[in-house]
Amino acid sequence: MSTATTEVAESDRDAAPTQTAPAEGGDAAKEETPSPPNFILYKEGPEYVQELRQLTLWAHHVLLPVYGREVTSSYPWCSSWWEHPEAVAQLHGLWLAWAELTGPGSGRCGPANWHRDYLQQVMTSLRDPSGPFAGCKAGSHRPKETPRIERADPFAPPPPPPAQA
């Protein structure tokens, strides 16, 4: 393979996928059913548990050994991070980006883009002193109280009045 061909092949790998216009005329365009979202907050039951397990393996074998800095009161981490829904959501997004930018078929700049665009923002948000791990200490998880919600759907029609006897 020539150098010019190699350069084209590598640049094609980094290009955005192209979309094909639907067929016009007599041929009916086939509508594809969208696949369910990959994001962990859309999963339930065994599917959620399996996704959380995969995330945990990545976090414990890749993320924390390489990027987990010392825990301090001004840079907290919870050893039970999976008990914090915000942490699960942010780390899952970070993991999905990792898979896309460093996996098979990713471009050579993928890891640099992951570091630049995702890693620091997520770790800074999670380890902020007022972030989801506030109050957690090494080996000590502190559950967080979620904000109170007055009405689950404030714009829904009001409930019917109670029946009078």
N, C-alpha and C. Protein backbone atom coordinates (compact mmCIF):
# COMPACT_ATOMS: atom_id res chain seq x y z
N MET A 1 0.86 -1.17 0.00
CA MET A 1 0.00 0.00 0.00
C MET A 1 0.90 1.23 0.00
N SER A 2 0.62 2.18 -0.86
CA SER A 2 1.45 3.37 -0.95
C SER A 2 1.16 4.31 0.20
N THR A 3 2.07 5.28 0.41
CA THR A 3 1.90 6.26 1.48
C THR A 3 0.65 7.09 1.25
N ALA A 4 0.39 7.49 0.01
CA ALA A 4 -0.80 8.29 -0.28
C ALA A 4 -2.07 7.51 0.05
N THR A 5 -2.09 6.22 -0.30
CA THR A 5 -3.25 5.39 0.00
C THR A 5 -3.42 5.24 1.50
N THR A 6 -2.32 5.06 2.23
CA THR A 6 -2.38 4.94 3.68
C THR A 6 -2.93 6.21 4.30
N GLU A 7 -2.49 7.38 3.82
CA GLU A 7 -2.97 8.64 4.37
C GLU A 7 -4.46 8.82 4.12
N VAL A 8 -4.92 8.43 2.95
CA VAL A 8 -6.34 8.55 2.64
C VAL A 8 -7.14 7.60 3.53
N ALA A 9 -6.66 6.37 3.68
CA ALA A 9 -7.38 5.41 4.50
C ALA A 9 -7.47 5.90 5.94
N GLU A 10 -6.40 6.47 6.47
CA GLU A 10 -6.42 6.98 7.84
C GLU A 10 -7.32 8.18 7.98
N SER A 11 -7.34 9.06 6.98
CA SER A 11 -8.22 10.22 7.08
C SER A 11 -9.68 9.81 6.94
N ASP A 12 -9.96 8.78 6.15
CA ASP A 12 -11.34 8.27 6.03
C ASP A 12 -11.83 7.74 7.37
N ARG A 13 -10.94 7.15 8.13
CA ARG A 13 -11.31 6.58 9.41
C ARG A 13 -11.78 7.66 10.37
N ASP A 14 -11.23 8.87 10.26
CA ASP A 14 -11.58 9.96 11.16
C ASP A 14 -12.78 10.76 10.67
N ALA A 15 -13.22 10.52 9.44
CA ALA A 15 -14.33 11.30 8.87
C ALA A 15 -15.65 10.86 9.47
N ALA A 16 -16.60 11.77 9.50
CA ALA A 16 -17.94 11.45 10.00
C ALA A 16 -18.62 10.53 9.00
N PRO A 17 -19.46 9.61 9.49
CA PRO A 17 -20.17 8.72 8.56
C PRO A 17 -21.12 9.52 7.69
N THR A 18 -21.27 9.06 6.47
CA THR A 18 -22.17 9.76 5.55
C THR A 18 -23.56 9.15 5.67
N GLN A 19 -24.57 9.95 5.37
CA GLN A 19 -25.93 9.47 5.41
C GLN A 19 -26.45 9.36 3.99
N THR A 20 -27.21 8.32 3.74
CA THR A 20 -27.78 8.10 2.42
C THR A 20 -29.17 8.70 2.40
N ALA A 21 -29.49 9.40 1.32
CA ALA A 21 -30.82 10.00 1.18
C ALA A 21 -31.83 8.89 0.95
N PRO A 22 -33.05 9.04 1.46
CA PRO A 22 -34.06 8.00 1.24
C PRO A 22 -34.39 7.88 -0.24
N ALA A 23 -34.79 6.69 -0.63
CA ALA A 23 -35.13 6.44 -2.03
C ALA A 23 -36.37 7.22 -2.41
N GLU A 24 -36.39 7.74 -3.65
CA GLU A 24 -37.54 8.48 -4.14
C GLU A 24 -38.24 7.66 -5.21
N GLY A 25 -39.45 8.07 -5.55
CA GLY A 25 -40.16 7.40 -6.63
C GLY A 25 -40.95 6.22 -6.12
N GLY A 26 -41.00 5.16 -6.95
CA GLY A 26 -41.81 3.99 -6.65
C GLY A 26 -41.30 3.16 -5.49
N ASP A 27 -40.02 3.19 -5.22
CA ASP A 27 -39.47 2.37 -4.14
C ASP A 27 -39.78 3.02 -2.80
N ALA A 28 -40.40 2.29 -1.92
CA ALA A 28 -40.68 2.81 -0.57
C ALA A 28 -39.41 2.67 0.27
N ALA A 29 -39.08 3.75 0.94
CA ALA A 29 -37.89 3.73 1.81
C ALA A 29 -38.21 2.88 3.04
N LYS A 30 -37.29 1.99 3.36
CA LYS A 30 -37.47 1.16 4.54
C LYS A 30 -37.10 1.98 5.77
N GLU A 31 -38.00 2.00 6.72
CA GLU A 31 -37.72 2.71 7.96
C GLU A 31 -37.08 1.72 8.93
N GLU A 32 -35.97 2.13 9.49
CA GLU A 32 -35.30 1.28 10.46
C GLU A 32 -35.78 1.64 11.85
N THR A 33 -35.97 0.63 12.67
CA THR A 33 -36.33 0.87 14.05
C THR A 33 -35.07 1.29 14.78
N PRO A 34 -35.12 2.43 15.47
CA PRO A 34 -33.91 2.86 16.18
C PRO A 34 -33.58 1.89 17.30
N SER A 35 -32.29 1.70 17.50
CA SER A 35 -31.88 0.82 18.59
C SER A 35 -32.09 1.55 19.91
N PRO A 36 -32.29 0.80 20.98
CA PRO A 36 -32.50 1.45 22.27
C PRO A 36 -31.26 2.24 22.67
N PRO A 37 -31.44 3.30 23.46
CA PRO A 37 -30.29 4.11 23.85
C PRO A 37 -29.28 3.29 24.65
N ASN A 38 -28.01 3.63 24.47
CA ASN A 38 -26.96 2.92 25.19
C ASN A 38 -26.79 3.43 26.62
N PHE A 39 -27.26 4.64 26.89
CA PHE A 39 -26.99 5.28 28.17
C PHE A 39 -27.59 4.50 29.33
N ILE A 40 -26.82 4.32 30.37
CA ILE A 40 -27.19 3.45 31.49
C ILE A 40 -28.46 3.88 32.20
N LEU A 41 -28.78 5.16 32.22
CA LEU A 41 -29.99 5.61 32.91
C LEU A 41 -31.27 5.13 32.23
N TYR A 42 -31.18 4.62 31.01
CA TYR A 42 -32.33 4.07 30.30
C TYR A 42 -32.49 2.57 30.54
N LYS A 43 -31.56 1.99 31.24
CA LYS A 43 -31.58 0.53 31.44
C LYS A 43 -32.19 0.21 32.80
N GLU A 44 -32.75 -0.99 32.90
CA GLU A 44 -33.37 -1.45 34.14
C GLU A 44 -33.03 -2.91 34.36
N GLY A 45 -33.22 -3.36 35.58
CA GLY A 45 -33.09 -4.77 35.93
C GLY A 45 -31.74 -5.36 35.56
N PRO A 46 -31.76 -6.60 35.03
CA PRO A 46 -30.51 -7.29 34.71
C PRO A 46 -29.66 -6.53 33.67
N GLU A 47 -30.33 -5.82 32.76
CA GLU A 47 -29.59 -5.05 31.75
C GLU A 47 -28.79 -3.93 32.42
N TYR A 48 -29.40 -3.25 33.40
CA TYR A 48 -28.70 -2.20 34.15
C TYR A 48 -27.53 -2.81 34.94
N VAL A 49 -27.79 -3.92 35.62
CA VAL A 49 -26.77 -4.55 36.45
C VAL A 49 -25.57 -4.96 35.60
N GLN A 50 -25.83 -5.55 34.43
CA GLN A 50 -24.73 -5.97 33.55
C GLN A 50 -23.93 -4.77 33.05
N GLU A 51 -24.64 -3.68 32.69
CA GLU A 51 -23.95 -2.48 32.22
C GLU A 51 -23.12 -1.86 33.34
N LEU A 52 -23.68 -1.82 34.55
CA LEU A 52 -22.95 -1.28 35.70
C LEU A 52 -21.73 -2.14 36.01
N ARG A 53 -21.85 -3.43 35.87
CA ARG A 53 -20.69 -4.33 36.09
C ARG A 53 -19.59 -4.02 35.09
N GLN A 54 -19.96 -3.88 33.81
CA GLN A 54 -18.96 -3.56 32.79
C GLN A 54 -18.30 -2.21 33.07
N LEU A 55 -19.10 -1.23 33.46
CA LEU A 55 -18.57 0.09 33.81
C LEU A 55 -17.62 -0.02 34.99
N THR A 56 -18.00 -0.79 35.99
CA THR A 56 -17.17 -0.97 37.18
C THR A 56 -15.84 -1.61 36.83
N LEU A 57 -15.86 -2.63 35.99
CA LEU A 57 -14.60 -3.26 35.58
C LEU A 57 -13.70 -2.26 34.88
N TRP A 58 -14.26 -1.45 34.00
CA TRP A 58 -13.45 -0.43 33.31
C TRP A 58 -12.92 0.60 34.31
N ALA A 59 -13.79 1.07 35.20
CA ALA A 59 -13.37 2.08 36.18
C ALA A 59 -12.27 1.54 37.09
N HIS A 60 -12.39 0.29 37.53
CA HIS A 60 -11.44 -0.27 38.49
C HIS A 60 -10.15 -0.79 37.86
N HIS A 61 -10.20 -1.10 36.57
CA HIS A 61 -9.00 -1.65 35.91
C HIS A 61 -8.33 -0.69 34.95
N VAL A 62 -9.02 0.37 34.53
CA VAL A 62 -8.43 1.33 33.60
C VAL A 62 -8.44 2.74 34.20
N LEU A 63 -9.62 3.24 34.46
CA LEU A 63 -9.75 4.65 34.87
C LEU A 63 -9.01 4.96 36.17
N LEU A 64 -9.35 4.29 37.25
CA LEU A 64 -8.76 4.65 38.54
C LEU A 64 -7.27 4.33 38.66
N PRO A 65 -6.79 3.19 38.17
CA PRO A 65 -5.35 2.96 38.27
C PRO A 65 -4.52 3.99 37.50
N VAL A 66 -5.05 4.52 36.41
CA VAL A 66 -4.29 5.47 35.60
C VAL A 66 -4.60 6.92 35.98
N TYR A 67 -5.88 7.24 36.22
CA TYR A 67 -6.28 8.63 36.38
C TYR A 67 -6.79 8.97 37.78
N GLY A 68 -6.86 8.00 38.67
CA GLY A 68 -7.37 8.25 40.02
C GLY A 68 -6.29 8.87 40.89
N ARG A 69 -6.43 10.14 41.15
CA ARG A 69 -5.44 10.84 41.98
C ARG A 69 -5.77 10.66 43.45
N GLU A 70 -4.83 11.07 44.29
CA GLU A 70 -5.00 10.93 45.73
C GLU A 70 -6.29 11.61 46.21
N VAL A 71 -6.94 10.96 47.16
CA VAL A 71 -8.18 11.48 47.71
C VAL A 71 -7.85 12.45 48.85
N THR A 72 -8.43 13.63 48.78
CA THR A 72 -8.29 14.63 49.84
C THR A 72 -9.67 15.25 50.07
N SER A 73 -9.78 16.09 51.11
CA SER A 73 -11.07 16.75 51.35
C SER A 73 -11.41 17.73 50.24
N SER A 74 -10.39 18.26 49.57
CA SER A 74 -10.65 19.17 48.46
C SER A 74 -10.71 18.45 47.11
N TYR A 75 -10.48 17.15 47.11
CA TYR A 75 -10.55 16.35 45.88
C TYR A 75 -11.08 14.96 46.26
N PRO A 76 -12.37 14.88 46.69
CA PRO A 76 -12.90 13.62 47.24
C PRO A 76 -13.17 12.56 46.17
N TRP A 77 -13.28 11.33 46.64
CA TRP A 77 -13.72 10.20 45.83
C TRP A 77 -14.44 9.26 46.78
N CYS A 78 -15.46 8.61 46.30
CA CYS A 78 -16.19 7.65 47.13
C CYS A 78 -15.83 6.25 46.67
N SER A 79 -15.40 5.41 47.60
CA SER A 79 -15.04 4.04 47.24
C SER A 79 -16.28 3.23 46.86
N SER A 80 -17.47 3.76 47.13
CA SER A 80 -18.73 3.15 46.69
C SER A 80 -19.39 4.07 45.66
N TRP A 81 -18.64 4.50 44.67
CA TRP A 81 -19.12 5.48 43.70
C TRP A 81 -20.40 5.05 43.00
N TRP A 82 -20.61 3.74 42.85
CA TRP A 82 -21.80 3.23 42.16
C TRP A 82 -23.08 3.49 42.95
N GLU A 83 -22.95 3.94 44.20
CA GLU A 83 -24.11 4.32 45.02
C GLU A 83 -24.55 5.75 44.73
N HIS A 84 -23.84 6.46 43.91
CA HIS A 84 -24.15 7.85 43.55
C HIS A 84 -24.64 7.88 42.10
N PRO A 85 -25.95 8.04 41.87
CA PRO A 85 -26.47 8.03 40.50
C PRO A 85 -25.79 9.04 39.58
N GLU A 86 -25.44 10.22 40.08
CA GLU A 86 -24.75 11.21 39.24
C GLU A 86 -23.39 10.68 38.79
N ALA A 87 -22.68 10.04 39.70
CA ALA A 87 -21.37 9.48 39.34
C ALA A 87 -21.52 8.38 38.31
N VAL A 88 -22.51 7.52 38.49
CA VAL A 88 -22.75 6.44 37.53
C VAL A 88 -23.03 7.04 36.15
N ALA A 89 -23.89 8.04 36.09
CA ALA A 89 -24.24 8.65 34.81
C ALA A 89 -23.02 9.30 34.15
N GLN A 90 -22.26 10.07 34.92
CA GLN A 90 -21.10 10.75 34.31
C GLN A 90 -20.02 9.75 33.90
N LEU A 91 -19.74 8.77 34.75
CA LEU A 91 -18.71 7.78 34.41
C LEU A 91 -19.15 6.91 33.23
N HIS A 92 -20.43 6.63 33.14
CA HIS A 92 -20.91 5.85 32.00
C HIS A 92 -20.71 6.62 30.70
N GLY A 93 -21.03 7.91 30.71
CA GLY A 93 -20.79 8.74 29.53
C GLY A 93 -19.31 8.77 29.17
N LEU A 94 -18.46 8.87 30.19
CA LEU A 94 -17.01 8.87 29.97
C LEU A 94 -16.56 7.54 29.36
N TRP A 95 -17.12 6.46 29.85
CA TRP A 95 -16.78 5.13 29.34
C TRP A 95 -17.26 4.94 27.90
N LEU A 96 -18.47 5.41 27.59
CA LEU A 96 -18.96 5.32 26.21
C LEU A 96 -18.05 6.10 25.26
N ALA A 97 -17.63 7.30 25.69
CA ALA A 97 -16.73 8.09 24.86
C ALA A 97 -15.39 7.37 24.70
N TRP A 98 -14.91 6.75 25.77
CA TRP A 98 -13.66 5.98 25.73
C TRP A 98 -13.77 4.86 24.68
N ALA A 99 -14.87 4.13 24.74
CA ALA A 99 -15.05 3.02 23.80
C ALA A 99 -15.07 3.51 22.35
N GLU A 100 -15.75 4.62 22.12
CA GLU A 100 -15.85 5.14 20.76
C GLU A 100 -14.53 5.71 20.26
N LEU A 101 -13.80 6.38 21.14
CA LEU A 101 -12.59 7.09 20.71
C LEU A 101 -11.30 6.28 20.81
N THR A 102 -11.34 5.15 21.51
CA THR A 102 -10.12 4.35 21.64
C THR A 102 -10.28 2.92 21.14
N GLY A 103 -11.49 2.55 20.76
CA GLY A 103 -11.75 1.18 20.34
C GLY A 103 -11.33 0.91 18.91
N PRO A 104 -11.60 -0.32 18.45
CA PRO A 104 -11.28 -0.68 17.07
C PRO A 104 -11.96 0.28 16.10
N GLY A 105 -11.22 0.69 15.10
CA GLY A 105 -11.75 1.59 14.09
C GLY A 105 -11.67 3.07 14.45
N SER A 106 -11.21 3.37 15.66
CA SER A 106 -11.09 4.79 16.03
C SER A 106 -9.83 5.37 15.38
N GLY A 107 -9.85 6.66 15.21
CA GLY A 107 -8.70 7.33 14.62
C GLY A 107 -7.53 7.44 15.58
N ARG A 108 -6.40 7.78 15.07
CA ARG A 108 -5.19 7.89 15.90
C ARG A 108 -5.29 9.00 16.93
N CYS A 109 -6.11 10.00 16.66
CA CYS A 109 -6.26 11.12 17.60
C CYS A 109 -7.33 10.85 18.65
N GLY A 110 -8.00 9.71 18.57
CA GLY A 110 -9.08 9.40 19.50
C GLY A 110 -8.69 9.53 20.96
N PRO A 111 -7.59 8.89 21.40
CA PRO A 111 -7.23 9.02 22.81
C PRO A 111 -6.94 10.47 23.22
N ALA A 112 -6.27 11.22 22.38
CA ALA A 112 -6.00 12.63 22.70
C ALA A 112 -7.30 13.41 22.80
N ASN A 113 -8.24 13.13 21.89
CA ASN A 113 -9.54 13.80 21.94
C ASN A 113 -10.31 13.43 23.20
N TRP A 114 -10.22 12.17 23.62
CA TRP A 114 -10.89 11.73 24.84
C TRP A 114 -10.34 12.48 26.04
N HIS A 115 -9.01 12.57 26.12
CA HIS A 115 -8.40 13.32 27.23
C HIS A 115 -8.83 14.77 27.20
N ARG A 116 -8.78 15.38 26.05
CA ARG A 116 -9.08 16.81 25.92
C ARG A 116 -10.55 17.12 26.16
N ASP A 117 -11.43 16.31 25.60
CA ASP A 117 -12.84 16.67 25.58
C ASP A 117 -13.68 16.06 26.71
N TYR A 118 -13.21 15.00 27.35
CA TYR A 118 -14.06 14.28 28.29
C TYR A 118 -13.45 14.07 29.67
N LEU A 119 -12.26 13.53 29.74
CA LEU A 119 -11.70 13.08 31.02
C LEU A 119 -11.68 14.16 32.09
N GLN A 120 -11.03 15.26 31.82
CA GLN A 120 -10.83 16.27 32.85
C GLN A 120 -12.15 16.86 33.33
N GLN A 121 -13.08 17.11 32.41
CA GLN A 121 -14.35 17.71 32.80
C GLN A 121 -15.12 16.77 33.74
N VAL A 122 -15.16 15.50 33.43
CA VAL A 122 -15.90 14.56 34.27
C VAL A 122 -15.22 14.40 35.62
N MET A 123 -13.91 14.19 35.64
CA MET A 123 -13.22 13.99 36.91
C MET A 123 -13.30 15.25 37.78
N THR A 124 -13.20 16.42 37.19
CA THR A 124 -13.31 17.66 37.95
C THR A 124 -14.70 17.80 38.55
N SER A 125 -15.72 17.48 37.77
CA SER A 125 -17.09 17.57 38.26
C SER A 125 -17.35 16.58 39.40
N LEU A 126 -16.92 15.34 39.22
CA LEU A 126 -17.14 14.32 40.25
C LEU A 126 -16.37 14.62 41.53
N ARG A 127 -15.15 15.12 41.39
CA ARG A 127 -14.28 15.28 42.56
C ARG A 127 -14.30 16.69 43.13
N ASP A 128 -15.23 17.49 42.68
CA ASP A 128 -15.40 18.82 43.25
C ASP A 128 -15.82 18.67 44.71
N PRO A 129 -15.33 19.53 45.61
CA PRO A 129 -15.70 19.42 47.02
C PRO A 129 -17.20 19.51 47.29
N SER A 130 -17.95 20.12 46.38
CA SER A 130 -19.40 20.18 46.55
C SER A 130 -20.11 19.24 45.57
N GLY A 131 -19.36 18.33 44.95
CA GLY A 131 -19.92 17.39 43.98
C GLY A 131 -20.57 16.19 44.65
N PRO A 132 -20.83 15.15 43.88
CA PRO A 132 -21.57 14.00 44.40
C PRO A 132 -20.86 13.25 45.52
N PHE A 133 -19.55 13.41 45.65
CA PHE A 133 -18.81 12.70 46.69
C PHE A 133 -18.56 13.56 47.92
N ALA A 134 -19.16 14.74 47.97
CA ALA A 134 -18.99 15.61 49.13
C ALA A 134 -19.40 14.85 50.39
N GLY A 135 -18.58 14.87 51.40
CA GLY A 135 -18.88 14.18 52.65
C GLY A 135 -18.42 12.74 52.68
N CYS A 136 -18.10 12.15 51.53
CA CYS A 136 -17.56 10.79 51.52
C CYS A 136 -16.08 10.86 51.84
N LYS A 137 -15.62 9.87 52.58
CA LYS A 137 -14.20 9.79 52.91
C LYS A 137 -13.71 8.39 52.53
N ALA A 138 -12.41 8.21 52.49
CA ALA A 138 -11.86 6.91 52.12
C ALA A 138 -12.50 5.82 52.97
N GLY A 139 -13.14 4.86 52.32
CA GLY A 139 -13.77 3.75 53.01
C GLY A 139 -15.08 4.10 53.70
N SER A 140 -15.59 5.30 53.48
CA SER A 140 -16.82 5.72 54.14
C SER A 140 -17.74 6.44 53.16
N HIS A 141 -18.79 5.75 52.73
CA HIS A 141 -19.77 6.31 51.81
C HIS A 141 -20.81 7.10 52.60
N ARG A 142 -21.18 8.26 52.12
CA ARG A 142 -22.24 9.06 52.74
C ARG A 142 -23.33 9.29 51.70
N PRO A 143 -24.50 8.66 51.89
CA PRO A 143 -25.59 8.88 50.92
C PRO A 143 -26.00 10.35 50.90
N LYS A 144 -26.42 10.78 49.75
CA LYS A 144 -26.84 12.17 49.59
C LYS A 144 -28.36 12.26 49.57
N GLU A 145 -28.86 13.33 50.14
CA GLU A 145 -30.29 13.58 50.09
C GLU A 145 -30.57 14.33 48.80
N THR A 146 -31.51 13.81 48.02
CA THR A 146 -31.86 14.47 46.76
C THR A 146 -32.80 15.64 47.05
N PRO A 147 -32.81 16.63 46.19
CA PRO A 147 -33.70 17.77 46.40
C PRO A 147 -35.17 17.32 46.45
N ARG A 148 -35.94 17.99 47.27
CA ARG A 148 -37.36 17.69 47.39
C ARG A 148 -38.09 18.19 46.15
N ILE A 149 -39.04 17.40 45.67
CA ILE A 149 -39.87 17.77 44.53
C ILE A 149 -41.30 17.91 45.04
N GLU A 150 -41.87 19.08 44.88
CA GLU A 150 -43.23 19.32 45.37
C GLU A 150 -44.26 18.47 44.64
N ARG A 151 -44.24 18.51 43.33
CA ARG A 151 -45.17 17.73 42.52
C ARG A 151 -44.39 17.11 41.37
N ALA A 152 -44.60 15.84 41.13
CA ALA A 152 -43.86 15.14 40.08
C ALA A 152 -44.13 15.74 38.71
N ASP A 153 -45.36 16.17 38.46
CA ASP A 153 -45.71 16.76 37.17
C ASP A 153 -46.56 18.00 37.44
N PRO A 154 -45.92 19.16 37.67
CA PRO A 154 -46.65 20.35 38.06
C PRO A 154 -47.59 20.90 36.97
N PHE A 155 -47.47 20.43 35.75
CA PHE A 155 -48.30 20.94 34.66
C PHE A 155 -49.41 19.97 34.27
N ALA A 156 -49.54 18.89 35.00
CA ALA A 156 -50.63 17.93 34.75
C ALA A 156 -51.93 18.49 35.30
N PRO A 157 -53.04 18.00 34.80
CA PRO A 157 -54.33 18.45 35.37
C PRO A 157 -54.35 18.12 36.87
N PRO A 158 -55.01 18.95 37.67
CA PRO A 158 -55.04 18.68 39.10
C PRO A 158 -55.78 17.39 39.38
N PRO A 159 -55.41 16.70 40.46
CA PRO A 159 -56.10 15.45 40.79
C PRO A 159 -57.55 15.75 41.19
N PRO A 160 -58.42 14.78 41.01
CA PRO A 160 -59.83 15.00 41.39
C PRO A 160 -59.93 15.18 42.90
N PRO A 161 -60.92 15.95 43.35
CA PRO A 161 -61.08 16.13 44.79
C PRO A 161 -61.45 14.79 45.45
N PRO A 162 -61.11 14.63 46.72
CA PRO A 162 -61.45 13.37 47.39
C PRO A 162 -62.97 13.22 47.50
N ALA A 163 -63.42 12.00 47.42
CA ALA A 163 -64.86 11.72 47.50
C ALA A 163 -65.34 12.03 48.92
N GLN A 164 -66.50 12.67 49.02
CA GLN A 164 -67.04 12.99 50.33
C GLN A 164 -68.13 11.99 50.68
N ALA A 165 -68.15 11.58 51.93
CA ALA A 165 -69.13 10.57 52.37
C ALA A 165 -70.37 11.21 52.90
